[in-house]
Structures are given as structure tokens and as C-alpha cells.
Amino acid sequence: MMRKLLLAATVFSLPTLAQADAIYGCWTNGAEELKVEHTRIVTPGGASPDAQIDRHNAVYVAPDGERDAGRLLAFRQLNDYAVLRTVWTAAGGSEAGERETWKPCDTSISS
């Protein structure tokens, strides 16, 4: 399973045009929250499954009891204010759901 995560993480860590700072922090779709730390994630259901995390990507298999359970979820940072959530089959071979754009949990911007 970790081999599949590594493969998916490799695909999502390819260079992008975005030059965002880092994916670390809290992201939301308005109903769910994902917390990404340097070495672990906390899913919307509060679990901390094995995950592959780098500066701009987080990939993990959704745990039982959560939306898209058993599927590979990939979060790729587009910029400082947007992360793209993509759902893949458990094998990571093909997309298995609609893409979603998630925003930072705290959208207030200080000057």
C-alpha cells in the first residue's frame, strides 16, 4: 500500500506553475477540514493514517467511516489559497470522483 502512496505522491509532486509557500496547515471545503503537518495529517474524521507528505502535496488512503473510504486522496497545493483534492481508485490508477478546491480554514488576511 505504501508503494502505491509513493507512486501517487511522485505523480503529484511534479513541478507546477504554482509557487505557493507550503501545504502545511488547515484546509476546508466548507464542511470538512484536513490538517496537514510536516510528518502527519489529521483527516476530517480525526484519523491520522499513513500519508506521503511533501511541501506542496499530501496523499493518503481515506480511512473506514470517512467519505471516499478506501480510496486514495491526493491534495495538491495550487497556491497559498487553494488546494486541489483528487480522488483515485484504491490502486491509484484512475480518478474516481470529482475534483474539489479546498481553501485555508482561516481565510482572514492580515496586512
N, C-alpha and C. Protein backbone atom coordinates (compact mmCIF):
# COMPACT_ATOMS: atom_id res chain seq x y z
N MET A 1 0.83 -1.19 0.00
CA MET A 1 0.00 0.00 0.00
C MET A 1 0.88 1.26 0.00
N MET A 2 1.94 1.25 0.81
CA MET A 2 2.81 2.42 0.87
C MET A 2 3.49 2.65 -0.48
N ARG A 3 3.76 1.56 -1.21
CA ARG A 3 4.36 1.70 -2.54
C ARG A 3 3.43 2.49 -3.46
N LYS A 4 2.12 2.22 -3.36
CA LYS A 4 1.14 2.96 -4.17
C LYS A 4 1.09 4.42 -3.75
N LEU A 5 1.20 4.66 -2.45
CA LEU A 5 1.21 6.05 -1.97
C LEU A 5 2.42 6.79 -2.52
N LEU A 6 3.57 6.12 -2.50
CA LEU A 6 4.78 6.76 -3.01
C LEU A 6 4.66 7.07 -4.48
N LEU A 7 4.09 6.14 -5.26
CA LEU A 7 3.89 6.37 -6.68
C LEU A 7 2.97 7.56 -6.91
N ALA A 8 1.87 7.60 -6.19
CA ALA A 8 0.93 8.71 -6.34
C ALA A 8 1.58 10.02 -5.92
N ALA A 9 2.34 9.99 -4.84
CA ALA A 9 3.00 11.21 -4.37
C ALA A 9 4.00 11.71 -5.39
N THR A 10 4.67 10.79 -6.07
CA THR A 10 5.62 11.17 -7.10
C THR A 10 4.90 11.88 -8.23
N VAL A 11 3.77 11.34 -8.65
CA VAL A 11 3.00 11.95 -9.72
C VAL A 11 2.55 13.36 -9.33
N PHE A 12 2.10 13.53 -8.09
CA PHE A 12 1.59 14.82 -7.66
C PHE A 12 2.68 15.80 -7.26
N SER A 13 3.91 15.34 -7.13
CA SER A 13 4.96 16.27 -6.75
C SER A 13 5.73 16.81 -7.95
N LEU A 14 5.25 16.51 -9.15
CA LEU A 14 5.86 17.08 -10.33
C LEU A 14 5.74 18.59 -10.27
N PRO A 15 6.69 19.31 -10.81
CA PRO A 15 6.65 20.77 -10.73
C PRO A 15 5.36 21.35 -11.31
N THR A 16 4.86 22.36 -10.66
CA THR A 16 3.67 23.05 -11.14
C THR A 16 4.01 24.53 -11.28
N LEU A 17 3.10 25.27 -11.88
CA LEU A 17 3.32 26.70 -12.03
C LEU A 17 3.14 27.45 -10.72
N ALA A 18 2.44 26.83 -9.79
CA ALA A 18 2.21 27.48 -8.51
C ALA A 18 3.50 27.58 -7.71
N GLN A 19 3.71 28.71 -7.09
CA GLN A 19 4.88 28.91 -6.25
C GLN A 19 4.40 29.20 -4.83
N ALA A 20 3.52 28.37 -4.33
CA ALA A 20 2.96 28.58 -3.00
C ALA A 20 3.98 28.22 -1.94
N ASP A 21 3.79 28.78 -0.76
CA ASP A 21 4.70 28.56 0.34
C ASP A 21 4.75 27.09 0.74
N ALA A 22 3.66 26.53 1.24
CA ALA A 22 3.62 25.12 1.64
C ALA A 22 2.18 24.73 1.94
N ILE A 23 1.92 23.43 1.85
CA ILE A 23 0.57 22.90 2.07
C ILE A 23 0.24 22.77 3.56
N TYR A 24 1.24 22.92 4.42
CA TYR A 24 1.04 22.71 5.84
C TYR A 24 0.01 23.68 6.42
N GLY A 25 -0.88 23.13 7.23
CA GLY A 25 -1.92 23.95 7.85
C GLY A 25 -3.28 23.27 7.74
N CYS A 26 -4.31 24.05 7.89
CA CYS A 26 -5.68 23.55 7.88
C CYS A 26 -6.37 23.98 6.58
N TRP A 27 -7.04 23.01 5.93
CA TRP A 27 -7.75 23.26 4.67
C TRP A 27 -9.19 22.78 4.81
N THR A 28 -10.12 23.47 4.13
CA THR A 28 -11.54 23.12 4.25
C THR A 28 -12.27 23.26 2.91
N ASN A 29 -13.32 22.46 2.78
CA ASN A 29 -14.22 22.59 1.64
C ASN A 29 -15.52 23.26 2.08
N GLY A 30 -15.54 23.75 3.31
CA GLY A 30 -16.73 24.39 3.87
C GLY A 30 -17.48 23.48 4.82
N ALA A 31 -17.31 22.16 4.66
CA ALA A 31 -17.98 21.20 5.52
C ALA A 31 -16.99 20.29 6.25
N GLU A 32 -15.81 20.09 5.68
CA GLU A 32 -14.80 19.21 6.25
C GLU A 32 -13.50 19.98 6.41
N GLU A 33 -12.65 19.50 7.31
CA GLU A 33 -11.33 20.09 7.49
C GLU A 33 -10.26 19.02 7.45
N LEU A 34 -9.15 19.34 6.81
CA LEU A 34 -7.97 18.48 6.76
C LEU A 34 -6.81 19.27 7.33
N LYS A 35 -6.09 18.69 8.28
CA LYS A 35 -4.92 19.36 8.85
C LYS A 35 -3.67 18.64 8.35
N VAL A 36 -2.77 19.39 7.74
CA VAL A 36 -1.54 18.84 7.19
C VAL A 36 -0.37 19.39 7.99
N GLU A 37 0.38 18.47 8.61
CA GLU A 37 1.59 18.84 9.33
C GLU A 37 2.78 18.31 8.54
N HIS A 38 3.96 18.58 9.01
CA HIS A 38 5.17 18.14 8.28
C HIS A 38 5.28 16.62 8.21
N THR A 39 4.82 15.92 9.25
CA THR A 39 5.01 14.47 9.30
C THR A 39 3.72 13.67 9.40
N ARG A 40 2.58 14.35 9.50
CA ARG A 40 1.31 13.61 9.59
C ARG A 40 0.15 14.50 9.16
N ILE A 41 -0.98 13.84 8.93
CA ILE A 41 -2.22 14.56 8.63
C ILE A 41 -3.27 14.16 9.63
N VAL A 42 -4.27 15.00 9.77
CA VAL A 42 -5.46 14.67 10.54
C VAL A 42 -6.63 14.83 9.58
N THR A 43 -7.32 13.73 9.31
CA THR A 43 -8.40 13.71 8.34
C THR A 43 -9.65 14.41 8.89
N PRO A 44 -10.64 14.66 8.04
CA PRO A 44 -11.88 15.27 8.52
C PRO A 44 -12.54 14.48 9.65
N GLY A 45 -12.33 13.16 9.69
CA GLY A 45 -12.91 12.33 10.75
C GLY A 45 -12.03 12.21 11.98
N GLY A 46 -10.87 12.87 11.97
CA GLY A 46 -9.99 12.85 13.13
C GLY A 46 -8.93 11.76 13.12
N ALA A 47 -8.84 10.98 12.06
CA ALA A 47 -7.84 9.92 11.97
C ALA A 47 -6.50 10.47 11.49
N SER A 48 -5.44 9.70 11.74
CA SER A 48 -4.10 10.06 11.26
C SER A 48 -3.51 8.85 10.52
N PRO A 49 -4.00 8.59 9.31
CA PRO A 49 -3.50 7.43 8.56
C PRO A 49 -2.09 7.70 8.01
N ASP A 50 -1.43 6.61 7.58
CA ASP A 50 -0.15 6.78 6.90
C ASP A 50 -0.35 7.71 5.72
N ALA A 51 0.55 8.63 5.54
CA ALA A 51 0.42 9.60 4.45
C ALA A 51 1.80 9.92 3.89
N GLN A 52 1.80 10.27 2.64
CA GLN A 52 3.01 10.76 1.99
C GLN A 52 2.84 12.28 1.88
N ILE A 53 3.71 13.03 2.51
CA ILE A 53 3.58 14.48 2.56
C ILE A 53 4.88 15.11 2.10
N ASP A 54 4.76 16.08 1.22
CA ASP A 54 5.91 16.92 0.90
C ASP A 54 5.45 18.37 0.95
N ARG A 55 6.26 19.27 0.56
CA ARG A 55 5.97 20.70 0.73
C ARG A 55 4.66 21.15 0.09
N HIS A 56 4.26 20.55 -1.03
CA HIS A 56 3.07 21.00 -1.73
C HIS A 56 2.02 19.91 -1.98
N ASN A 57 2.21 18.72 -1.39
CA ASN A 57 1.30 17.59 -1.65
C ASN A 57 1.09 16.74 -0.42
N ALA A 58 -0.10 16.16 -0.32
CA ALA A 58 -0.39 15.18 0.73
C ALA A 58 -1.24 14.09 0.08
N VAL A 59 -0.86 12.83 0.29
CA VAL A 59 -1.56 11.70 -0.30
C VAL A 59 -1.77 10.65 0.78
N TYR A 60 -3.01 10.13 0.87
CA TYR A 60 -3.30 9.08 1.84
C TYR A 60 -4.54 8.30 1.39
N VAL A 61 -4.75 7.14 2.01
CA VAL A 61 -5.95 6.35 1.75
C VAL A 61 -6.98 6.74 2.81
N ALA A 62 -8.17 7.12 2.35
CA ALA A 62 -9.22 7.54 3.28
C ALA A 62 -9.61 6.38 4.19
N PRO A 63 -9.61 6.60 5.51
CA PRO A 63 -9.93 5.52 6.45
C PRO A 63 -11.41 5.15 6.43
N ASP A 64 -11.69 3.96 6.95
CA ASP A 64 -13.08 3.50 7.06
C ASP A 64 -13.91 4.51 7.83
N GLY A 65 -15.14 4.66 7.41
CA GLY A 65 -16.06 5.57 8.08
C GLY A 65 -16.01 7.00 7.57
N GLU A 66 -15.08 7.30 6.68
CA GLU A 66 -14.99 8.65 6.14
C GLU A 66 -15.40 8.66 4.68
N ARG A 67 -15.71 9.81 4.17
CA ARG A 67 -16.07 9.96 2.76
C ARG A 67 -14.95 9.39 1.90
N ASP A 68 -15.32 8.65 0.87
CA ASP A 68 -14.37 8.01 -0.05
C ASP A 68 -13.46 7.00 0.64
N ALA A 69 -13.96 6.34 1.68
CA ALA A 69 -13.18 5.33 2.42
C ALA A 69 -12.58 4.30 1.46
N GLY A 70 -11.31 4.00 1.68
CA GLY A 70 -10.60 3.02 0.87
C GLY A 70 -10.02 3.57 -0.42
N ARG A 71 -10.33 4.80 -0.73
CA ARG A 71 -9.81 5.41 -1.96
C ARG A 71 -8.59 6.28 -1.63
N LEU A 72 -7.79 6.47 -2.63
CA LEU A 72 -6.58 7.29 -2.49
C LEU A 72 -6.96 8.75 -2.68
N LEU A 73 -6.64 9.58 -1.70
CA LEU A 73 -6.94 11.02 -1.78
C LEU A 73 -5.63 11.77 -1.95
N ALA A 74 -5.61 12.65 -2.91
CA ALA A 74 -4.42 13.45 -3.17
C ALA A 74 -4.79 14.93 -3.09
N PHE A 75 -4.06 15.65 -2.28
CA PHE A 75 -4.24 17.10 -2.13
C PHE A 75 -2.98 17.77 -2.69
N ARG A 76 -3.15 18.60 -3.70
CA ARG A 76 -2.03 19.29 -4.35
C ARG A 76 -2.24 20.79 -4.21
N GLN A 77 -1.28 21.46 -3.64
CA GLN A 77 -1.40 22.90 -3.43
C GLN A 77 -1.26 23.64 -4.75
N LEU A 78 -2.25 24.46 -5.04
CA LEU A 78 -2.23 25.28 -6.26
C LEU A 78 -1.58 26.62 -6.01
N ASN A 79 -1.87 27.20 -4.84
CA ASN A 79 -1.29 28.46 -4.42
C ASN A 79 -1.53 28.59 -2.92
N ASP A 80 -1.27 29.75 -2.34
CA ASP A 80 -1.43 29.92 -0.90
C ASP A 80 -2.89 29.83 -0.44
N TYR A 81 -3.82 29.94 -1.38
CA TYR A 81 -5.23 29.98 -1.01
C TYR A 81 -6.08 28.87 -1.62
N ALA A 82 -5.44 27.87 -2.22
CA ALA A 82 -6.21 26.79 -2.85
C ALA A 82 -5.42 25.49 -2.91
N VAL A 83 -6.11 24.40 -2.56
CA VAL A 83 -5.57 23.05 -2.66
C VAL A 83 -6.58 22.24 -3.47
N LEU A 84 -6.08 21.45 -4.41
CA LEU A 84 -6.95 20.62 -5.24
C LEU A 84 -7.01 19.22 -4.65
N ARG A 85 -8.23 18.75 -4.35
CA ARG A 85 -8.45 17.39 -3.83
C ARG A 85 -8.89 16.52 -4.99
N THR A 86 -8.15 15.42 -5.21
CA THR A 86 -8.47 14.47 -6.26
C THR A 86 -8.63 13.09 -5.64
N VAL A 87 -9.66 12.37 -6.04
CA VAL A 87 -9.93 11.02 -5.54
C VAL A 87 -9.52 10.02 -6.60
N TRP A 88 -8.77 9.00 -6.17
CA TRP A 88 -8.31 7.95 -7.07
C TRP A 88 -8.81 6.60 -6.59
N THR A 89 -8.89 5.64 -7.49
CA THR A 89 -9.22 4.28 -7.07
C THR A 89 -8.18 3.84 -6.06
N ALA A 90 -8.49 2.79 -5.31
CA ALA A 90 -7.57 2.32 -4.27
C ALA A 90 -6.19 2.02 -4.84
N ALA A 91 -6.14 1.57 -6.07
CA ALA A 91 -4.85 1.26 -6.69
C ALA A 91 -4.16 2.52 -7.19
N GLY A 92 -4.86 3.65 -7.19
CA GLY A 92 -4.27 4.90 -7.65
C GLY A 92 -4.19 4.98 -9.16
N GLY A 93 -4.92 4.09 -9.85
CA GLY A 93 -4.80 4.04 -11.30
C GLY A 93 -5.66 5.02 -12.07
N SER A 94 -6.83 5.36 -11.56
CA SER A 94 -7.70 6.27 -12.30
C SER A 94 -8.51 7.13 -11.32
N GLU A 95 -8.90 8.30 -11.80
CA GLU A 95 -9.71 9.18 -10.95
C GLU A 95 -11.05 8.51 -10.69
N ALA A 96 -11.54 8.69 -9.46
CA ALA A 96 -12.77 8.02 -9.06
C ALA A 96 -13.78 8.97 -8.44
N GLY A 97 -13.64 10.23 -8.68
CA GLY A 97 -14.57 11.19 -8.11
C GLY A 97 -14.29 12.57 -8.67
N GLU A 98 -15.12 13.51 -8.27
CA GLU A 98 -14.95 14.87 -8.74
C GLU A 98 -13.83 15.57 -7.99
N ARG A 99 -13.13 16.42 -8.68
CA ARG A 99 -12.08 17.23 -8.05
C ARG A 99 -12.75 18.35 -7.26
N GLU A 100 -12.12 18.71 -6.16
CA GLU A 100 -12.62 19.79 -5.32
C GLU A 100 -11.49 20.76 -5.00
N THR A 101 -11.81 22.02 -4.92
CA THR A 101 -10.84 23.01 -4.48
C THR A 101 -11.14 23.35 -3.03
N TRP A 102 -10.15 23.17 -2.18
CA TRP A 102 -10.27 23.48 -0.75
C TRP A 102 -9.51 24.77 -0.46
N LYS A 103 -9.98 25.50 0.51
CA LYS A 103 -9.40 26.80 0.90
C LYS A 103 -8.81 26.68 2.31
N PRO A 104 -7.96 27.64 2.70
CA PRO A 104 -7.47 27.63 4.08
C PRO A 104 -8.62 27.75 5.06
N CYS A 105 -8.51 27.10 6.20
CA CYS A 105 -9.58 27.15 7.21
C CYS A 105 -9.82 28.57 7.70
N ASP A 106 -8.76 29.31 7.91
CA ASP A 106 -8.91 30.71 8.34
C ASP A 106 -8.62 31.58 7.13
N THR A 107 -9.66 32.11 6.54
CA THR A 107 -9.49 32.89 5.31
C THR A 107 -9.26 34.37 5.57
N SER A 108 -9.15 34.74 6.87
CA SER A 108 -8.87 36.16 7.13
C SER A 108 -7.43 36.46 6.75
N ILE A 109 -7.24 37.62 6.15
CA ILE A 109 -5.90 38.02 5.70
C ILE A 109 -5.52 39.30 6.44
N SER A 110 -4.39 39.24 7.12
CA SER A 110 -3.95 40.44 7.83
C SER A 110 -2.94 41.19 6.97
N SER A 111 -2.91 42.49 7.13
CA SER A 111 -1.98 43.30 6.34
C SER A 111 -0.77 43.69 7.15
